[in-house]
Amino acid sequence: MIEFTEEELAELRAEAKEQGVSIKRLAHDILTEDVVRRRQKQRFVEGAAKYARETIADFEERFPAGLR
């Protein structure tokens, strides 16, 4: 169970009302979207880091420190 302050709960109720959904649905959607977004970001960062590791030698060869 997740506990909220009265102020937080009021904000959730207002947001749920604006979206025309229950608080339970709103909380579910927010949590799910956040997890998906975080996982996508992590995969992107991991892919970018892998690409950088794979290409750094070629970059350093083509652009020596004095020419960067």
N, C-alpha and C. Protein backbone atom coordinates (compact mmCIF):
# COMPACT_ATOMS: atom_id res chain seq x y z
N MET A 1 0.84 -1.18 0.00
CA MET A 1 0.00 0.00 0.00
C MET A 1 0.89 1.25 0.00
N ILE A 2 0.53 2.20 -0.78
CA ILE A 2 1.25 3.47 -0.84
C ILE A 2 0.46 4.49 -0.02
N GLU A 3 1.16 5.21 0.83
CA GLU A 3 0.50 6.22 1.65
C GLU A 3 0.83 7.61 1.12
N PHE A 4 -0.15 8.50 1.19
CA PHE A 4 -0.01 9.87 0.72
C PHE A 4 -0.46 10.83 1.81
N THR A 5 0.11 12.03 1.77
CA THR A 5 -0.39 13.07 2.66
C THR A 5 -1.73 13.55 2.10
N GLU A 6 -2.47 14.28 2.90
CA GLU A 6 -3.75 14.81 2.42
C GLU A 6 -3.54 15.73 1.22
N GLU A 7 -2.46 16.50 1.26
CA GLU A 7 -2.16 17.42 0.16
C GLU A 7 -1.83 16.64 -1.12
N GLU A 8 -1.04 15.61 -0.99
CA GLU A 8 -0.70 14.79 -2.16
C GLU A 8 -1.94 14.10 -2.72
N LEU A 9 -2.76 13.58 -1.83
CA LEU A 9 -3.98 12.91 -2.25
C LEU A 9 -4.92 13.88 -2.96
N ALA A 10 -5.00 15.10 -2.48
CA ALA A 10 -5.85 16.12 -3.14
C ALA A 10 -5.35 16.38 -4.55
N GLU A 11 -4.04 16.45 -4.72
CA GLU A 11 -3.47 16.67 -6.05
C GLU A 11 -3.76 15.47 -6.97
N LEU A 12 -3.62 14.28 -6.43
CA LEU A 12 -3.93 13.08 -7.22
C LEU A 12 -5.40 13.05 -7.61
N ARG A 13 -6.27 13.38 -6.68
CA ARG A 13 -7.70 13.40 -6.99
C ARG A 13 -8.00 14.41 -8.10
N ALA A 14 -7.39 15.60 -7.99
CA ALA A 14 -7.63 16.63 -9.01
C ALA A 14 -7.13 16.17 -10.37
N GLU A 15 -5.96 15.58 -10.40
CA GLU A 15 -5.41 15.10 -11.68
C GLU A 15 -6.26 13.98 -12.25
N ALA A 16 -6.67 13.05 -11.41
CA ALA A 16 -7.50 11.94 -11.88
C ALA A 16 -8.83 12.47 -12.44
N LYS A 17 -9.39 13.45 -11.75
CA LYS A 17 -10.65 14.04 -12.22
C LYS A 17 -10.47 14.71 -13.57
N GLU A 18 -9.38 15.47 -13.72
CA GLU A 18 -9.10 16.14 -15.00
C GLU A 18 -8.95 15.13 -16.13
N GLN A 19 -8.35 13.99 -15.83
CA GLN A 19 -8.13 12.98 -16.86
C GLN A 19 -9.32 12.03 -17.02
N GLY A 20 -10.27 12.14 -16.11
CA GLY A 20 -11.45 11.29 -16.20
C GLY A 20 -11.17 9.83 -15.87
N VAL A 21 -10.23 9.61 -14.94
CA VAL A 21 -9.88 8.25 -14.54
C VAL A 21 -9.89 8.15 -13.01
N SER A 22 -9.85 6.92 -12.53
CA SER A 22 -9.77 6.72 -11.08
C SER A 22 -8.35 7.00 -10.61
N ILE A 23 -8.21 7.24 -9.31
CA ILE A 23 -6.88 7.46 -8.74
C ILE A 23 -6.03 6.21 -8.95
N LYS A 24 -6.65 5.05 -8.78
CA LYS A 24 -5.93 3.79 -8.97
C LYS A 24 -5.38 3.69 -10.39
N ARG A 25 -6.20 4.02 -11.38
CA ARG A 25 -5.77 3.98 -12.78
C ARG A 25 -4.66 5.01 -13.02
N LEU A 26 -4.83 6.20 -12.49
CA LEU A 26 -3.83 7.25 -12.64
C LEU A 26 -2.50 6.82 -12.06
N ALA A 27 -2.51 6.28 -10.84
CA ALA A 27 -1.27 5.84 -10.19
C ALA A 27 -0.62 4.72 -11.00
N HIS A 28 -1.42 3.78 -11.46
CA HIS A 28 -0.90 2.68 -12.29
C HIS A 28 -0.21 3.22 -13.52
N ASP A 29 -0.89 4.12 -14.23
CA ASP A 29 -0.33 4.66 -15.47
C ASP A 29 0.95 5.45 -15.23
N ILE A 30 0.97 6.25 -14.18
CA ILE A 30 2.16 7.05 -13.86
C ILE A 30 3.34 6.14 -13.55
N LEU A 31 3.12 5.14 -12.72
CA LEU A 31 4.20 4.22 -12.35
C LEU A 31 4.69 3.44 -13.56
N THR A 32 3.77 2.94 -14.35
CA THR A 32 4.15 2.17 -15.53
C THR A 32 4.93 3.01 -16.52
N GLU A 33 4.45 4.21 -16.81
CA GLU A 33 5.15 5.10 -17.74
C GLU A 33 6.54 5.44 -17.23
N ASP A 34 6.67 5.68 -15.94
CA ASP A 34 7.96 6.03 -15.37
C ASP A 34 8.95 4.87 -15.49
N VAL A 35 8.48 3.67 -15.20
CA VAL A 35 9.37 2.50 -15.31
C VAL A 35 9.82 2.30 -16.75
N VAL A 36 8.89 2.38 -17.68
CA VAL A 36 9.23 2.21 -19.10
C VAL A 36 10.23 3.28 -19.53
N ARG A 37 9.98 4.52 -19.16
CA ARG A 37 10.87 5.63 -19.53
C ARG A 37 12.27 5.42 -18.95
N ARG A 38 12.35 5.03 -17.69
CA ARG A 38 13.65 4.80 -17.06
C ARG A 38 14.41 3.66 -17.73
N ARG A 39 13.69 2.59 -18.06
CA ARG A 39 14.35 1.45 -18.71
C ARG A 39 14.82 1.82 -20.11
N GLN A 40 14.04 2.59 -20.85
CA GLN A 40 14.45 3.04 -22.18
C GLN A 40 15.69 3.92 -22.08
N LYS A 41 15.71 4.81 -21.11
CA LYS A 41 16.85 5.70 -20.90
C LYS A 41 18.10 4.88 -20.58
N GLN A 42 17.95 3.89 -19.71
CA GLN A 42 19.08 3.05 -19.33
C GLN A 42 19.62 2.29 -20.54
N ARG A 43 18.73 1.74 -21.37
CA ARG A 43 19.18 1.03 -22.58
C ARG A 43 19.90 1.98 -23.52
N PHE A 44 19.40 3.21 -23.66
CA PHE A 44 20.04 4.20 -24.52
C PHE A 44 21.45 4.51 -24.02
N VAL A 45 21.57 4.76 -22.72
CA VAL A 45 22.87 5.09 -22.13
C VAL A 45 23.84 3.93 -22.30
N GLU A 46 23.37 2.72 -22.06
CA GLU A 46 24.23 1.55 -22.23
C GLU A 46 24.67 1.41 -23.68
N GLY A 47 23.77 1.62 -24.61
CA GLY A 47 24.10 1.54 -26.04
C GLY A 47 25.09 2.62 -26.45
N ALA A 48 24.88 3.83 -25.97
CA ALA A 48 25.80 4.93 -26.30
C ALA A 48 27.18 4.68 -25.72
N ALA A 49 27.24 4.17 -24.50
CA ALA A 49 28.53 3.87 -23.88
C ALA A 49 29.25 2.76 -24.65
N LYS A 50 28.51 1.74 -25.06
CA LYS A 50 29.10 0.65 -25.84
C LYS A 50 29.65 1.18 -27.16
N TYR A 51 28.86 2.02 -27.83
CA TYR A 51 29.29 2.60 -29.10
C TYR A 51 30.57 3.44 -28.90
N ALA A 52 30.61 4.22 -27.84
CA ALA A 52 31.78 5.05 -27.56
C ALA A 52 33.01 4.17 -27.33
N ARG A 53 32.86 3.10 -26.56
CA ARG A 53 33.99 2.20 -26.30
C ARG A 53 34.48 1.56 -27.60
N GLU A 54 33.55 1.21 -28.48
CA GLU A 54 33.90 0.54 -29.73
C GLU A 54 34.56 1.48 -30.74
N THR A 55 34.27 2.76 -30.65
CA THR A 55 34.78 3.69 -31.67
C THR A 55 35.88 4.63 -31.19
N ILE A 56 36.23 4.60 -29.91
CA ILE A 56 37.21 5.55 -29.39
C ILE A 56 38.58 5.38 -30.02
N ALA A 57 39.00 4.14 -30.25
CA ALA A 57 40.33 3.91 -30.84
C ALA A 57 40.41 4.53 -32.23
N ASP A 58 39.38 4.32 -33.04
CA ASP A 58 39.35 4.90 -34.39
C ASP A 58 39.34 6.42 -34.32
N PHE A 59 38.56 6.98 -33.42
CA PHE A 59 38.50 8.43 -33.25
C PHE A 59 39.86 9.00 -32.87
N GLU A 60 40.51 8.37 -31.90
CA GLU A 60 41.82 8.86 -31.46
C GLU A 60 42.86 8.74 -32.55
N GLU A 61 42.74 7.71 -33.38
CA GLU A 61 43.68 7.55 -34.51
C GLU A 61 43.46 8.64 -35.55
N ARG A 62 42.22 8.93 -35.87
CA ARG A 62 41.91 9.95 -36.90
C ARG A 62 42.12 11.38 -36.39
N PHE A 63 41.91 11.57 -35.10
CA PHE A 63 42.03 12.91 -34.52
C PHE A 63 42.95 12.88 -33.30
N PRO A 64 44.25 12.89 -33.53
CA PRO A 64 45.18 12.88 -32.41
C PRO A 64 44.93 14.06 -31.47
N ALA A 65 45.37 13.92 -30.24
CA ALA A 65 45.09 14.91 -29.21
C ALA A 65 45.40 16.34 -29.65
N GLY A 66 46.47 16.56 -30.38
CA GLY A 66 46.82 17.92 -30.82
C GLY A 66 45.93 18.49 -31.90
N LEU A 67 45.10 17.65 -32.53
CA LEU A 67 44.24 18.12 -33.63
C LEU A 67 42.76 18.20 -33.24
N ARG A 68 42.44 17.97 -32.00
CA ARG A 68 41.03 17.98 -31.58
C ARG A 68 40.59 19.38 -31.23
